Amino acid sequence: MIFRIASTGGPTPSPRANPVRDADGAIVKWFGTCTDIHDQKEAAEVLRRSRDELEALVVARTAALMVVRTAAPMVALMVAPMVALTVPPAAR
């Protein structure tokens, strides 16, 4: 069993409690711990932010590639006449 305790900016404790039972299954006592999981929670938040930033970069790059793909045929049509003009007649 895991319990969360509300924290006000300090360490985030994570208490756990497990019952110790006798042969008949009756609870005779409880065994528990309380672990500081603040660093774990901070790391998870940093990872979430990094994932969000990466996703935004992927979306932006995909949009830029779509613009390039759309514009490429038009650029080729504009460049071809210029190339024809700059190539010496003997090389054509």
C-alpha atoms as a PDB file:
ATOM      1  CA  MET A   1       0.000   0.000   0.000  1.00  0.00           C
ATOM      2  CA  ILE A   2       1.425   3.421  -0.957  1.00  0.00           C
ATOM      3  CA  PHE A   3       0.272   6.741   0.512  1.00  0.00           C
ATOM      4  CA  ARG A   4       1.101  10.217  -0.803  1.00  0.00           C
ATOM      5  CA  ILE A   5       1.562  12.997   1.700  1.00  0.00           C
ATOM      6  CA  ALA A   6       1.000  16.540   0.456  1.00  0.00           C
ATOM      7  CA  SER A   7       4.168  18.601   0.552  1.00  0.00           C
ATOM      8  CA  THR A   8       4.651  22.358   0.525  1.00  0.00           C
ATOM      9  CA  GLY A   9       7.734  22.570  -1.664  1.00  0.00           C
ATOM     10  CA  GLY A  10      10.058  20.534   0.515  1.00  0.00           C
ATOM     11  CA  PRO A  11      10.935  16.866   0.290  1.00  0.00           C
ATOM     12  CA  THR A  12       8.191  14.610  -1.039  1.00  0.00           C
ATOM     13  CA  PRO A  13       7.780  11.678   1.332  1.00  0.00           C
ATOM     14  CA  SER A  14       6.370   8.375   0.120  1.00  0.00           C
ATOM     15  CA  PRO A  15       5.228   6.257   3.050  1.00  0.00           C
ATOM     16  CA  ARG A  16       4.522   2.566   2.528  1.00  0.00           C
ATOM     17  CA  ALA A  17       2.841   0.230   4.949  1.00  0.00           C
ATOM     18  CA  ASN A  18       2.388  -3.520   4.747  1.00  0.00           C
ATOM     19  CA  PRO A  19       0.448  -5.663   7.192  1.00  0.00           C
ATOM     20  CA  VAL A  20       2.170  -8.547   8.960  1.00  0.00           C
ATOM     21  CA  ARG A  21      -0.323 -11.394   9.285  1.00  0.00           C
ATOM     22  CA  ASP A  22      -0.460 -14.497  11.418  1.00  0.00           C
ATOM     23  CA  ALA A  23      -1.194 -18.008  10.128  1.00  0.00           C
ATOM     24  CA  ASP A  24      -4.949 -17.277  10.126  1.00  0.00           C
ATOM     25  CA  GLY A  25      -4.496 -14.127   8.014  1.00  0.00           C
ATOM     26  CA  ALA A  26      -5.256 -11.691  10.830  1.00  0.00           C
ATOM     27  CA  ILE A  27      -3.146  -8.548  10.956  1.00  0.00           C
ATOM     28  CA  VAL A  28      -0.868  -8.667  13.973  1.00  0.00           C
ATOM     29  CA  LYS A  29       1.196  -5.550  13.211  1.00  0.00           C
ATOM     30  CA  TRP A  30       2.170  -3.166  10.465  1.00  0.00           C
ATOM     31  CA  PHE A  31       5.609  -2.715   8.899  1.00  0.00           C
ATOM     32  CA  GLY A  32       6.254   0.623   7.232  1.00  0.00           C
ATOM     33  CA  THR A  33       8.794   2.963   5.710  1.00  0.00           C
ATOM     34  CA  CYS A  34       8.827   6.564   4.576  1.00  0.00           C
ATOM     35  CA  THR A  35      11.102   7.388   1.617  1.00  0.00           C
ATOM     36  CA  ASP A  36      12.001  10.840   0.296  1.00  0.00           C
ATOM     37  CA  ILE A  37      11.099  10.767  -3.427  1.00  0.00           C
ATOM     38  CA  HIS A  38      11.689  14.480  -4.092  1.00  0.00           C
ATOM     39  CA  ASP A  39      14.653  13.874  -6.440  1.00  0.00           C
ATOM     40  CA  GLN A  40      12.660  11.254  -8.344  1.00  0.00           C
ATOM     41  CA  LYS A  41       9.748  13.652  -8.820  1.00  0.00           C
ATOM     42  CA  GLU A  42      12.089  16.460  -9.967  1.00  0.00           C
ATOM     43  CA  ALA A  43      13.766  14.143 -12.493  1.00  0.00           C
ATOM     44  CA  ALA A  44      10.373  13.069 -13.839  1.00  0.00           C
ATOM     45  CA  GLU A  45       9.404  16.734 -14.307  1.00  0.00           C
ATOM     46  CA  VAL A  46      12.677  17.532 -16.132  1.00  0.00           C
ATOM     47  CA  LEU A  47      12.109  14.530 -18.395  1.00  0.00           C
ATOM     48  CA  ARG A  48       8.524  15.635 -19.115  1.00  0.00           C
ATOM     49  CA  ARG A  49       9.691  19.151 -20.037  1.00  0.00           C
ATOM     50  CA  SER A  50      12.457  17.786 -22.266  1.00  0.00           C
ATOM     51  CA  ARG A  51       9.974  15.508 -24.022  1.00  0.00           C
ATOM     52  CA  ASP A  52       7.612  18.439 -24.600  1.00  0.00           C
ATOM     53  CA  GLU A  53      10.457  20.592 -25.989  1.00  0.00           C
ATOM     54  CA  LEU A  54      11.582  17.778 -28.307  1.00  0.00           C
ATOM     55  CA  GLU A  55       8.031  17.269 -29.545  1.00  0.00           C
ATOM     56  CA  ALA A  56       7.737  20.994 -30.304  1.00  0.00           C
ATOM     57  CA  LEU A  57      11.024  20.872 -32.251  1.00  0.00           C
ATOM     58  CA  VAL A  58       9.831  17.849 -34.241  1.00  0.00           C
ATOM     59  CA  VAL A  59       6.562  19.601 -35.096  1.00  0.00           C
ATOM     60  CA  ALA A  60       8.412  22.761 -36.197  1.00  0.00           C
ATOM     61  CA  ARG A  61      10.951  20.803 -38.267  1.00  0.00           C
ATOM     62  CA  THR A  62       8.202  18.768 -39.931  1.00  0.00           C
ATOM     63  CA  ALA A  63       6.369  21.979 -40.851  1.00  0.00           C
ATOM     64  CA  ALA A  64       9.576  23.458 -42.282  1.00  0.00           C
ATOM     65  CA  LEU A  65      10.196  20.329 -44.357  1.00  0.00           C
ATOM     66  CA  MET A  66       6.654  20.482 -45.706  1.00  0.00           C
ATOM     67  CA  VAL A  67       7.268  24.091 -46.821  1.00  0.00           C
ATOM     68  CA  VAL A  68      10.512  23.058 -48.542  1.00  0.00           C
ATOM     69  CA  ARG A  69       8.825  20.130 -50.287  1.00  0.00           C
ATOM     70  CA  THR A  70       6.022  22.383 -51.476  1.00  0.00           C
ATOM     71  CA  ALA A  71       8.419  25.090 -52.686  1.00  0.00           C
ATOM     72  CA  ALA A  72      11.038  22.776 -54.274  1.00  0.00           C
ATOM     73  CA  PRO A  73       9.284  22.332 -57.649  1.00  0.00           C
ATOM     74  CA  MET A  74       8.800  26.094 -57.936  1.00  0.00           C
ATOM     75  CA  VAL A  75      12.459  26.769 -57.095  1.00  0.00           C
ATOM     76  CA  ALA A  76      13.568  24.227 -59.705  1.00  0.00           C
ATOM     77  CA  LEU A  77      11.465  25.988 -62.345  1.00  0.00           C
ATOM     78  CA  MET A  78      12.966  29.351 -61.395  1.00  0.00           C
ATOM     79  CA  VAL A  79      16.577  28.104 -61.264  1.00  0.00           C
ATOM     80  CA  ALA A  80      16.552  26.169 -64.559  1.00  0.00           C
ATOM     81  CA  PRO A  81      16.364  29.275 -66.778  1.00  0.00           C
ATOM     82  CA  MET A  82      19.113  30.973 -64.745  1.00  0.00           C
ATOM     83  CA  VAL A  83      21.389  27.957 -65.130  1.00  0.00           C
ATOM     84  CA  ALA A  84      20.740  27.922 -68.861  1.00  0.00           C
ATOM     85  CA  LEU A  85      21.790  31.563 -69.057  1.00  0.00           C
ATOM     86  CA  THR A  86      24.984  31.114 -67.032  1.00  0.00           C
ATOM     87  CA  VAL A  87      26.281  28.020 -68.849  1.00  0.00           C
ATOM     88  CA  PRO A  88      28.493  29.018 -71.816  1.00  0.00           C
ATOM     89  CA  PRO A  89      27.012  28.048 -75.213  1.00  0.00           C
ATOM     90  CA  ALA A  90      29.954  25.732 -75.924  1.00  0.00           C
ATOM     91  CA  ALA A  91      29.210  23.718 -72.759  1.00  0.00           C
ATOM     92  CA  ARG A  92      25.536  23.242 -73.628  1.00  0.00           C
END
